Amino acid sequence: MIDLAVALALVLVIEGLLWAAFPDRMKDVAAQAATLPSSLLRRVGLVAMAVGVVIVWFVRGG
């Protein structure tokens, strides 16, 4: 459970860093994402999730 909390905290750190460093570009990206079909966003999210699981698996020695 601690690992999950740390992972969520790191997501917030990275996302916060992006918004702080590139606010105008992040607004453009968010606006562009809003125009994409939900099915595409879902597929991209699932691929990102799968890549993350594989990375964690390799890093944790699974």
PDB file of N, CA and C in Angstrom:
ATOM      1  N   MET A   1       0.812  -1.193   0.000  1.00  0.00           N
ATOM      2  CA  MET A   1       0.000   0.000   0.000  1.00  0.00           C
ATOM      3  C   MET A   1       0.857   1.259   0.000  1.00  0.00           C
ATOM      4  N   ILE A   2       2.009   1.180   0.651  1.00  0.00           N
ATOM      5  CA  ILE A   2       2.921   2.326   0.676  1.00  0.00           C
ATOM      6  C   ILE A   2       3.441   2.604  -0.738  1.00  0.00           C
ATOM      7  N   ASP A   3       3.743   1.538  -1.492  1.00  0.00           N
ATOM      8  CA  ASP A   3       4.215   1.720  -2.865  1.00  0.00           C
ATOM      9  C   ASP A   3       3.176   2.444  -3.719  1.00  0.00           C
ATOM     10  N   LEU A   4       1.908   2.132  -3.526  1.00  0.00           N
ATOM     11  CA  LEU A   4       0.849   2.798  -4.276  1.00  0.00           C
ATOM     12  C   LEU A   4       0.801   4.283  -3.930  1.00  0.00           C
ATOM     13  N   ALA A   5       0.918   4.607  -2.672  1.00  0.00           N
ATOM     14  CA  ALA A   5       0.911   6.008  -2.252  1.00  0.00           C
ATOM     15  C   ALA A   5       2.108   6.758  -2.837  1.00  0.00           C
ATOM     16  N   VAL A   6       3.258   6.128  -2.840  1.00  0.00           N
ATOM     17  CA  VAL A   6       4.457   6.751  -3.415  1.00  0.00           C
ATOM     18  C   VAL A   6       4.277   6.942  -4.916  1.00  0.00           C
ATOM     19  N   ALA A   7       3.721   5.952  -5.598  1.00  0.00           N
ATOM     20  CA  ALA A   7       3.494   6.066  -7.037  1.00  0.00           C
ATOM     21  C   ALA A   7       2.537   7.208  -7.356  1.00  0.00           C
ATOM     22  N   LEU A   8       1.452   7.310  -6.610  1.00  0.00           N
ATOM     23  CA  LEU A   8       0.507   8.409  -6.830  1.00  0.00           C
ATOM     24  C   LEU A   8       1.152   9.765  -6.547  1.00  0.00           C
ATOM     25  N   ALA A   9       1.969   9.831  -5.512  1.00  0.00           N
ATOM     26  CA  ALA A   9       2.666  11.079  -5.197  1.00  0.00           C
ATOM     27  C   ALA A   9       3.617  11.469  -6.331  1.00  0.00           C
ATOM     28  N   LEU A  10       4.313  10.493  -6.908  1.00  0.00           N
ATOM     29  CA  LEU A  10       5.220  10.789  -8.018  1.00  0.00           C
ATOM     30  C   LEU A  10       4.465  11.269  -9.253  1.00  0.00           C
ATOM     31  N   VAL A  11       3.290  10.709  -9.495  1.00  0.00           N
ATOM     32  CA  VAL A  11       2.463  11.190 -10.607  1.00  0.00           C
ATOM     33  C   VAL A  11       2.125  12.659 -10.382  1.00  0.00           C
ATOM     34  N   LEU A  12       1.733  13.018  -9.174  1.00  0.00           N
ATOM     35  CA  LEU A  12       1.406  14.409  -8.875  1.00  0.00           C
ATOM     36  C   LEU A  12       2.621  15.320  -9.022  1.00  0.00           C
ATOM     37  N   VAL A  13       3.783  14.856  -8.600  1.00  0.00           N
ATOM     38  CA  VAL A  13       5.007  15.648  -8.732  1.00  0.00           C
ATOM     39  C   VAL A  13       5.323  15.898 -10.201  1.00  0.00           C
ATOM     40  N   ILE A  14       5.282  14.839 -11.007  1.00  0.00           N
ATOM     41  CA  ILE A  14       5.614  14.984 -12.422  1.00  0.00           C
ATOM     42  C   ILE A  14       4.594  15.857 -13.139  1.00  0.00           C
ATOM     43  N   GLU A  15       3.319  15.633 -12.883  1.00  0.00           N
ATOM     44  CA  GLU A  15       2.300  16.445 -13.539  1.00  0.00           C
ATOM     45  C   GLU A  15       2.374  17.896 -13.073  1.00  0.00           C
ATOM     46  N   GLY A  16       2.585  18.097 -11.808  1.00  0.00           N
ATOM     47  CA  GLY A  16       2.732  19.460 -11.303  1.00  0.00           C
ATOM     48  C   GLY A  16       3.938  20.166 -11.901  1.00  0.00           C
ATOM     49  N   LEU A  17       5.022  19.435 -12.076  1.00  0.00           N
ATOM     50  CA  LEU A  17       6.214  20.006 -12.693  1.00  0.00           C
ATOM     51  C   LEU A  17       5.933  20.443 -14.129  1.00  0.00           C
ATOM     52  N   LEU A  18       5.217  19.604 -14.874  1.00  0.00           N
ATOM     53  CA  LEU A  18       4.884  19.958 -16.250  1.00  0.00           C
ATOM     54  C   LEU A  18       4.014  21.206 -16.311  1.00  0.00           C
ATOM     55  N   TRP A  19       2.992  21.279 -15.442  1.00  0.00           N
ATOM     56  CA  TRP A  19       2.113  22.450 -15.437  1.00  0.00           C
ATOM     57  C   TRP A  19       2.863  23.701 -14.993  1.00  0.00           C
ATOM     58  N   ALA A  20       3.803  23.568 -14.070  1.00  0.00           N
ATOM     59  CA  ALA A  20       4.561  24.727 -13.602  1.00  0.00           C
ATOM     60  C   ALA A  20       5.581  25.193 -14.643  1.00  0.00           C
ATOM     61  N   ALA A  21       6.199  24.261 -15.335  1.00  0.00           N
ATOM     62  CA  ALA A  21       7.251  24.602 -16.287  1.00  0.00           C
ATOM     63  C   ALA A  21       6.703  25.048 -17.645  1.00  0.00           C
ATOM     64  N   PHE A  22       5.597  24.448 -18.072  1.00  0.00           N
ATOM     65  CA  PHE A  22       5.060  24.718 -19.407  1.00  0.00           C
ATOM     66  C   PHE A  22       3.548  24.951 -19.374  1.00  0.00           C
ATOM     67  N   PRO A  23       3.083  25.988 -18.680  1.00  0.00           N
ATOM     68  CA  PRO A  23       1.633  26.150 -18.533  1.00  0.00           C
ATOM     69  C   PRO A  23       0.897  26.371 -19.859  1.00  0.00           C
ATOM     70  N   ASP A  24       1.468  27.157 -20.743  1.00  0.00           N
ATOM     71  CA  ASP A  24       0.789  27.414 -22.016  1.00  0.00           C
ATOM     72  C   ASP A  24       0.735  26.162 -22.877  1.00  0.00           C
ATOM     73  N   ARG A  25       1.828  25.435 -22.934  1.00  0.00           N
ATOM     74  CA  ARG A  25       1.852  24.199 -23.727  1.00  0.00           C
ATOM     75  C   ARG A  25       0.898  23.161 -23.137  1.00  0.00           C
ATOM     76  N   MET A  26       0.823  23.071 -21.816  1.00  0.00           N
ATOM     77  CA  MET A  26      -0.076  22.107 -21.182  1.00  0.00           C
ATOM     78  C   MET A  26      -1.540  22.459 -21.463  1.00  0.00           C
ATOM     79  N   LYS A  27      -1.859  23.762 -21.526  1.00  0.00           N
ATOM     80  CA  LYS A  27      -3.226  24.154 -21.886  1.00  0.00           C
ATOM     81  C   LYS A  27      -3.541  23.739 -23.322  1.00  0.00           C
ATOM     82  N   ASP A  28      -2.548  23.900 -24.209  1.00  0.00           N
ATOM     83  CA  ASP A  28      -2.740  23.473 -25.600  1.00  0.00           C
ATOM     84  C   ASP A  28      -2.958  21.967 -25.696  1.00  0.00           C
ATOM     85  N   VAL A  29      -2.170  21.213 -24.953  1.00  0.00           N
ATOM     86  CA  VAL A  29      -2.299  19.751 -24.966  1.00  0.00           C
ATOM     87  C   VAL A  29      -3.659  19.330 -24.425  1.00  0.00           C
ATOM     88  N   ALA A  30      -4.095  19.958 -23.332  1.00  0.00           N
ATOM     89  CA  ALA A  30      -5.396  19.619 -22.754  1.00  0.00           C
ATOM     90  C   ALA A  30      -6.526  19.954 -23.722  1.00  0.00           C
ATOM     91  N   ALA A  31      -6.424  21.093 -24.410  1.00  0.00           N
ATOM     92  CA  ALA A  31      -7.458  21.466 -25.379  1.00  0.00           C
ATOM     93  C   ALA A  31      -7.476  20.497 -26.545  1.00  0.00           C
ATOM     94  N   GLN A  32      -6.304  20.087 -26.988  1.00  0.00           N
ATOM     95  CA  GLN A  32      -6.229  19.132 -28.093  1.00  0.00           C
ATOM     96  C   GLN A  32      -6.795  17.776 -27.660  1.00  0.00           C
ATOM     97  N   ALA A  33      -6.505  17.346 -26.447  1.00  0.00           N
ATOM     98  CA  ALA A  33      -7.022  16.068 -25.954  1.00  0.00           C
ATOM     99  C   ALA A  33      -8.544  16.087 -25.876  1.00  0.00           C
ATOM    100  N   ALA A  34      -9.108  17.245 -25.576  1.00  0.00           N
ATOM    101  CA  ALA A  34     -10.567  17.356 -25.475  1.00  0.00           C
ATOM    102  C   ALA A  34     -11.252  17.139 -26.821  1.00  0.00           C
ATOM    103  N   THR A  35     -10.521  17.331 -27.909  1.00  0.00           N
ATOM    104  CA  THR A  35     -11.117  17.156 -29.238  1.00  0.00           C
ATOM    105  C   THR A  35     -10.969  15.733 -29.768  1.00  0.00           C
ATOM    106  N   LEU A  36     -10.170  14.927 -29.106  1.00  0.00           N
ATOM    107  CA  LEU A  36      -9.945  13.554 -29.572  1.00  0.00           C
ATOM    108  C   LEU A  36     -11.111  12.658 -29.178  1.00  0.00           C
ATOM    109  N   PRO A  37     -11.372  11.625 -29.968  1.00  0.00           N
ATOM    110  CA  PRO A  37     -12.443  10.694 -29.607  1.00  0.00           C
ATOM    111  C   PRO A  37     -12.106   9.931 -28.321  1.00  0.00           C
ATOM    112  N   SER A  38     -13.136   9.638 -27.552  1.00  0.00           N
ATOM    113  CA  SER A  38     -12.945   8.924 -26.288  1.00  0.00           C
ATOM    114  C   SER A  38     -12.292   7.563 -26.495  1.00  0.00           C
ATOM    115  N   SER A  39     -12.623   6.899 -27.590  1.00  0.00           N
ATOM    116  CA  SER A  39     -12.043   5.577 -27.844  1.00  0.00           C
ATOM    117  C   SER A  39     -10.526   5.662 -28.006  1.00  0.00           C
ATOM    118  N   LEU A  40     -10.034   6.711 -28.665  1.00  0.00           N
ATOM    119  CA  LEU A  40      -8.594   6.880 -28.831  1.00  0.00           C
ATOM    120  C   LEU A  40      -7.933   7.161 -27.490  1.00  0.00           C
ATOM    121  N   LEU A  41      -8.540   8.042 -26.702  1.00  0.00           N
ATOM    122  CA  LEU A  41      -7.987   8.334 -25.373  1.00  0.00           C
ATOM    123  C   LEU A  41      -7.964   7.086 -24.502  1.00  0.00           C
ATOM    124  N   ARG A  42      -9.009   6.274 -24.608  1.00  0.00           N
ATOM    125  CA  ARG A  42      -9.066   5.032 -23.836  1.00  0.00           C
ATOM    126  C   ARG A  42      -7.926   4.090 -24.243  1.00  0.00           C
ATOM    127  N   ARG A  43      -7.715   3.941 -25.552  1.00  0.00           N
ATOM    128  CA  ARG A  43      -6.636   3.057 -26.035  1.00  0.00           C
ATOM    129  C   ARG A  43      -5.273   3.559 -25.597  1.00  0.00           C
ATOM    130  N   VAL A  44      -5.049   4.860 -25.704  1.00  0.00           N
ATOM    131  CA  VAL A  44      -3.767   5.430 -25.281  1.00  0.00           C
ATOM    132  C   VAL A  44      -3.573   5.211 -23.777  1.00  0.00           C
ATOM    133  N   GLY A  45      -4.623   5.405 -23.002  1.00  0.00           N
ATOM    134  CA  GLY A  45      -4.536   5.173 -21.561  1.00  0.00           C
ATOM    135  C   GLY A  45      -4.226   3.727 -21.220  1.00  0.00           C
ATOM    136  N   LEU A  46      -4.865   2.801 -21.932  1.00  0.00           N
ATOM    137  CA  LEU A  46      -4.607   1.378 -21.682  1.00  0.00           C
ATOM    138  C   LEU A  46      -3.185   0.992 -22.061  1.00  0.00           C
ATOM    139  N   VAL A  47      -2.684   1.542 -23.163  1.00  0.00           N
ATOM    140  CA  VAL A  47      -1.298   1.254 -23.563  1.00  0.00           C
ATOM    141  C   VAL A  47      -0.330   1.831 -22.537  1.00  0.00           C
ATOM    142  N   ALA A  48      -0.579   3.059 -22.085  1.00  0.00           N
ATOM    143  CA  ALA A  48       0.285   3.666 -21.078  1.00  0.00           C
ATOM    144  C   ALA A  48       0.270   2.855 -19.792  1.00  0.00           C
ATOM    145  N   MET A  49      -0.905   2.374 -19.412  1.00  0.00           N
ATOM    146  CA  MET A  49      -1.022   1.562 -18.210  1.00  0.00           C
ATOM    147  C   MET A  49      -0.234   0.263 -18.358  1.00  0.00           C
ATOM    148  N   ALA A  50      -0.347  -0.389 -19.515  1.00  0.00           N
ATOM    149  CA  ALA A  50       0.372  -1.641 -19.750  1.00  0.00           C
ATOM    150  C   ALA A  50       1.883  -1.426 -19.725  1.00  0.00           C
ATOM    151  N   VAL A  51       2.337  -0.350 -20.354  1.00  0.00           N
ATOM    152  CA  VAL A  51       3.775  -0.048 -20.338  1.00  0.00           C
ATOM    153  C   VAL A  51       4.236   0.193 -18.901  1.00  0.00           C
ATOM    154  N   GLY A  52       3.446   0.909 -18.128  1.00  0.00           N
ATOM    155  CA  GLY A  52       3.796   1.145 -16.730  1.00  0.00           C
ATOM    156  C   GLY A  52       3.886  -0.138 -15.925  1.00  0.00           C
ATOM    157  N   VAL A  53       2.957  -1.057 -16.145  1.00  0.00           N
ATOM    158  CA  VAL A  53       2.989  -2.345 -15.439  1.00  0.00           C
ATOM    159  C   VAL A  53       4.251  -3.114 -15.809  1.00  0.00           C
ATOM    160  N   VAL A  54       4.599  -3.119 -17.073  1.00  0.00           N
ATOM    161  CA  VAL A  54       5.805  -3.838 -17.521  1.00  0.00           C
ATOM    162  C   VAL A  54       7.053  -3.215 -16.889  1.00  0.00           C
ATOM    163  N   ILE A  55       7.118  -1.886 -16.867  1.00  0.00           N
ATOM    164  CA  ILE A  55       8.271  -1.225 -16.255  1.00  0.00           C
ATOM    165  C   ILE A  55       8.382  -1.570 -14.782  1.00  0.00           C
ATOM    166  N   VAL A  56       7.261  -1.501 -14.062  1.00  0.00           N
ATOM    167  CA  VAL A  56       7.279  -1.849 -12.635  1.00  0.00           C
ATOM    168  C   VAL A  56       7.695  -3.293 -12.455  1.00  0.00           C
ATOM    169  N   TRP A  57       7.198  -4.188 -13.307  1.00  0.00           N
ATOM    170  CA  TRP A  57       7.533  -5.591 -13.215  1.00  0.00           C
ATOM    171  C   TRP A  57       9.044  -5.796 -13.357  1.00  0.00           C
ATOM    172  N   PHE A  58       9.648  -5.146 -14.346  1.00  0.00           N
ATOM    173  CA  PHE A  58      11.088  -5.310 -14.551  1.00  0.00           C
ATOM    174  C   PHE A  58      11.894  -4.666 -13.428  1.00  0.00           C
ATOM    175  N   VAL A  59      11.477  -3.480 -12.985  1.00  0.00           N
ATOM    176  CA  VAL A  59      12.214  -2.778 -11.935  1.00  0.00           C
ATOM    177  C   VAL A  59      12.144  -3.526 -10.611  1.00  0.00           C
ATOM    178  N   ARG A  60      10.974  -4.081 -10.300  1.00  0.00           N
ATOM    179  CA  ARG A  60      10.784  -4.792  -9.035  1.00  0.00           C
ATOM    180  C   ARG A  60      11.310  -6.219  -9.082  1.00  0.00           C
ATOM    181  N   GLY A  61      11.813  -6.637 -10.225  1.00  0.00           N
ATOM    182  CA  GLY A  61      12.414  -7.961 -10.308  1.00  0.00           C
ATOM    183  C   GLY A  61      11.420  -9.091 -10.487  1.00  0.00           C
ATOM    184  N   GLY A  62      10.272  -8.805 -11.108  1.00  0.00           N
ATOM    185  CA  GLY A  62       9.230  -9.811 -11.283  1.00  0.00           C
ATOM    186  C   GLY A  62       9.550 -10.714 -12.394  1.00  0.00           C
TER     187      GLY A  62
END
